[in-house]
Amino acid sequence: MLFMLIVKASTNSEAGNLPSAELREAMSMYNEELVKAGVRVMAKGLHPSSNGLRISYTEGGSVVTEGPFHETKDITAGFILIDVKSKEEAVEWAMRMPDPQGYGEGQVELRQVFE
């Protein structure tokens, strides 16, 4: 079963600030655990929304809006794709992730991927 751990953005990540050395090390160790367990498919961070755009679709066509976007709760900062045996296992792995923002404002969304 494929699951995506979606790391939500914060004001800090949207400013383009890198996490602390301690958090980078903790995330590196977490990713190594995922690899050793054979469950990590892919993990990537994303540029701030100031480098992105949104395409909105309407009856009249599509509209392109360039970033930055201000509601960080609606922005993805990165993701980890894992392949596990059950939703429960996915939750266990998600719960082991360090706070991805490192400031007590991190949030991760766990979603199953259609296969």
C-alpha atoms as a PDB file:
ATOM      1  CA  MET A   1       0.000   0.000   0.000  1.00  0.00           C
ATOM      2  CA  LEU A   2       1.405   3.356  -1.002  1.00  0.00           C
ATOM      3  CA  PHE A   3       1.073   6.309   1.355  1.00  0.00           C
ATOM      4  CA  MET A   4       2.331   9.849   1.036  1.00  0.00           C
ATOM      5  CA  LEU A   5       3.475  11.807   4.059  1.00  0.00           C
ATOM      6  CA  ILE A   6       2.827  15.385   2.983  1.00  0.00           C
ATOM      7  CA  VAL A   7       4.894  17.903   4.911  1.00  0.00           C
ATOM      8  CA  LYS A   8       2.997  21.162   5.284  1.00  0.00           C
ATOM      9  CA  ALA A   9       4.820  24.457   4.855  1.00  0.00           C
ATOM     10  CA  SER A  10       5.479  26.973   7.596  1.00  0.00           C
ATOM     11  CA  THR A  11       6.339  30.658   7.537  1.00  0.00           C
ATOM     12  CA  ASN A  12       9.963  29.595   7.997  1.00  0.00           C
ATOM     13  CA  SER A  13      10.007  27.129   5.070  1.00  0.00           C
ATOM     14  CA  GLU A  14       8.160  29.637   2.875  1.00  0.00           C
ATOM     15  CA  ALA A  15      10.902  32.166   3.634  1.00  0.00           C
ATOM     16  CA  GLY A  16      13.340  29.658   2.112  1.00  0.00           C
ATOM     17  CA  ASN A  17      15.128  29.062   5.406  1.00  0.00           C
ATOM     18  CA  LEU A  18      16.825  25.714   5.827  1.00  0.00           C
ATOM     19  CA  PRO A  19      16.065  23.697   8.959  1.00  0.00           C
ATOM     20  CA  SER A  20      18.630  23.681  11.755  1.00  0.00           C
ATOM     21  CA  ALA A  21      21.588  21.313  11.535  1.00  0.00           C
ATOM     22  CA  GLU A  22      20.020  19.231  14.312  1.00  0.00           C
ATOM     23  CA  LEU A  23      16.738  18.868  12.449  1.00  0.00           C
ATOM     24  CA  ARG A  24      18.504  18.033   9.172  1.00  0.00           C
ATOM     25  CA  GLU A  25      20.397  15.285  11.019  1.00  0.00           C
ATOM     26  CA  ALA A  26      17.193  13.956  12.642  1.00  0.00           C
ATOM     27  CA  MET A  27      15.397  13.905   9.278  1.00  0.00           C
ATOM     28  CA  SER A  28      18.386  12.195   7.679  1.00  0.00           C
ATOM     29  CA  MET A  29      18.324   9.491  10.348  1.00  0.00           C
ATOM     30  CA  TYR A  30      14.556   9.071   9.897  1.00  0.00           C
ATOM     31  CA  ASN A  31      14.985   8.689   6.142  1.00  0.00           C
ATOM     32  CA  GLU A  32      17.784   6.143   6.693  1.00  0.00           C
ATOM     33  CA  GLU A  33      15.416   4.129   8.904  1.00  0.00           C
ATOM     34  CA  LEU A  34      12.789   4.178   6.148  1.00  0.00           C
ATOM     35  CA  VAL A  35      15.366   2.986   3.599  1.00  0.00           C
ATOM     36  CA  LYS A  36      16.734   0.244   5.891  1.00  0.00           C
ATOM     37  CA  ALA A  37      13.182  -0.982   6.502  1.00  0.00           C
ATOM     38  CA  GLY A  38      12.649  -1.091   2.733  1.00  0.00           C
ATOM     39  CA  VAL A  39       9.563   1.139   2.807  1.00  0.00           C
ATOM     40  CA  ARG A  40      10.797   4.452   1.386  1.00  0.00           C
ATOM     41  CA  VAL A  41      10.022   4.920  -2.293  1.00  0.00           C
ATOM     42  CA  MET A  42      10.931   8.608  -2.602  1.00  0.00           C
ATOM     43  CA  ALA A  43      11.458  11.692  -0.450  1.00  0.00           C
ATOM     44  CA  LYS A  44      11.796  15.269  -1.697  1.00  0.00           C
ATOM     45  CA  GLY A  45      11.553  18.813  -0.415  1.00  0.00           C
ATOM     46  CA  LEU A  46       9.934  21.537  -2.484  1.00  0.00           C
ATOM     47  CA  HIS A  47      10.956  25.114  -3.226  1.00  0.00           C
ATOM     48  CA  PRO A  48       8.892  27.837  -1.501  1.00  0.00           C
ATOM     49  CA  SER A  49       5.621  28.796  -3.167  1.00  0.00           C
ATOM     50  CA  SER A  50       7.255  32.017  -4.363  1.00  0.00           C
ATOM     51  CA  ASN A  51       8.823  29.811  -7.066  1.00  0.00           C
ATOM     52  CA  GLY A  52       5.506  28.145  -7.917  1.00  0.00           C
ATOM     53  CA  LEU A  53       2.155  28.837  -9.466  1.00  0.00           C
ATOM     54  CA  ARG A  54      -1.406  27.622  -9.293  1.00  0.00           C
ATOM     55  CA  ILE A  55      -3.717  26.850 -12.150  1.00  0.00           C
ATOM     56  CA  SER A  56      -7.426  27.335 -11.426  1.00  0.00           C
ATOM     57  CA  TYR A  57     -10.006  25.890 -13.776  1.00  0.00           C
ATOM     58  CA  THR A  58     -13.300  27.601 -14.523  1.00  0.00           C
ATOM     59  CA  GLU A  59     -15.993  27.180 -17.143  1.00  0.00           C
ATOM     60  CA  GLY A  60     -14.300  29.935 -19.131  1.00  0.00           C
ATOM     61  CA  GLY A  61     -10.868  28.257 -19.126  1.00  0.00           C
ATOM     62  CA  SER A  62      -7.912  28.264 -16.805  1.00  0.00           C
ATOM     63  CA  VAL A  63      -6.199  31.012 -14.834  1.00  0.00           C
ATOM     64  CA  VAL A  64      -2.554  30.998 -13.753  1.00  0.00           C
ATOM     65  CA  THR A  65      -1.669  32.656 -10.437  1.00  0.00           C
ATOM     66  CA  GLU A  66       1.981  33.043  -9.531  1.00  0.00           C
ATOM     67  CA  GLY A  67       3.186  32.545  -5.948  1.00  0.00           C
ATOM     68  CA  PRO A  68       3.912  33.269  -3.260  1.00  0.00           C
ATOM     69  CA  PHE A  69       0.814  31.962  -1.538  1.00  0.00           C
ATOM     70  CA  HIS A  70       0.140  33.219   1.952  1.00  0.00           C
ATOM     71  CA  GLU A  71      -1.878  30.475   3.650  1.00  0.00           C
ATOM     72  CA  THR A  72       0.899  28.066   4.664  1.00  0.00           C
ATOM     73  CA  LYS A  73      -1.667  25.480   5.785  1.00  0.00           C
ATOM     74  CA  ASP A  74      -2.534  25.050   2.092  1.00  0.00           C
ATOM     75  CA  ILE A  75       1.066  24.689   0.906  1.00  0.00           C
ATOM     76  CA  THR A  76       3.192  21.553   0.676  1.00  0.00           C
ATOM     77  CA  ALA A  77       6.864  21.876   1.647  1.00  0.00           C
ATOM     78  CA  GLY A  78       7.861  18.298   0.829  1.00  0.00           C
ATOM     79  CA  PHE A  79       6.789  14.684   0.800  1.00  0.00           C
ATOM     80  CA  ILE A  80       7.852  11.131   1.526  1.00  0.00           C
ATOM     81  CA  LEU A  81       6.308   8.248  -0.385  1.00  0.00           C
ATOM     82  CA  ILE A  82       6.288   4.940   1.496  1.00  0.00           C
ATOM     83  CA  ASP A  83       5.181   1.429   0.539  1.00  0.00           C
ATOM     84  CA  VAL A  84       3.851  -0.437   3.573  1.00  0.00           C
ATOM     85  CA  LYS A  85       1.573  -3.374   4.389  1.00  0.00           C
ATOM     86  CA  SER A  86      -1.208  -1.446   6.138  1.00  0.00           C
ATOM     87  CA  LYS A  87      -2.570   1.951   7.097  1.00  0.00           C
ATOM     88  CA  GLU A  88      -1.550   1.206  10.673  1.00  0.00           C
ATOM     89  CA  GLU A  89       2.069   0.739   9.600  1.00  0.00           C
ATOM     90  CA  ALA A  90       1.919   4.017   7.650  1.00  0.00           C
ATOM     91  CA  VAL A  91       0.640   5.792  10.768  1.00  0.00           C
ATOM     92  CA  GLU A  92       3.461   4.257  12.831  1.00  0.00           C
ATOM     93  CA  TRP A  93       6.058   5.581  10.387  1.00  0.00           C
ATOM     94  CA  ALA A  94       4.388   9.004  10.250  1.00  0.00           C
ATOM     95  CA  MET A  95       4.386   9.229  14.058  1.00  0.00           C
ATOM     96  CA  ARG A  96       8.144   8.575  14.114  1.00  0.00           C
ATOM     97  CA  MET A  97       8.947  11.547  11.868  1.00  0.00           C
ATOM     98  CA  PRO A  98      10.616  14.446  13.680  1.00  0.00           C
ATOM     99  CA  ASP A  99       8.724  17.751  13.579  1.00  0.00           C
ATOM    100  CA  PRO A 100       9.561  18.628   9.969  1.00  0.00           C
ATOM    101  CA  GLN A 101       9.631  22.356  10.683  1.00  0.00           C
ATOM    102  CA  GLY A 102      11.428  22.050  14.005  1.00  0.00           C
ATOM    103  CA  TYR A 103       9.648  24.943  15.658  1.00  0.00           C
ATOM    104  CA  GLY A 104       6.574  23.244  17.077  1.00  0.00           C
ATOM    105  CA  GLU A 105       4.598  24.379  14.028  1.00  0.00           C
ATOM    106  CA  GLY A 106       5.198  21.365  11.792  1.00  0.00           C
ATOM    107  CA  GLN A 107       2.342  19.358  10.373  1.00  0.00           C
ATOM    108  CA  VAL A 108       2.262  16.188   8.274  1.00  0.00           C
ATOM    109  CA  GLU A 109      -0.722  14.886   6.348  1.00  0.00           C
ATOM    110  CA  LEU A 110      -0.892  11.145   5.609  1.00  0.00           C
ATOM    111  CA  ARG A 111      -2.763  10.098   2.472  1.00  0.00           C
ATOM    112  CA  GLN A 112      -3.119   6.766   0.731  1.00  0.00           C
ATOM    113  CA  VAL A 113      -2.162   6.742  -2.964  1.00  0.00           C
ATOM    114  CA  PHE A 114      -4.442   5.076  -5.513  1.00  0.00           C
ATOM    115  CA  GLU A 115      -2.720   2.097  -7.108  1.00  0.00           C
END
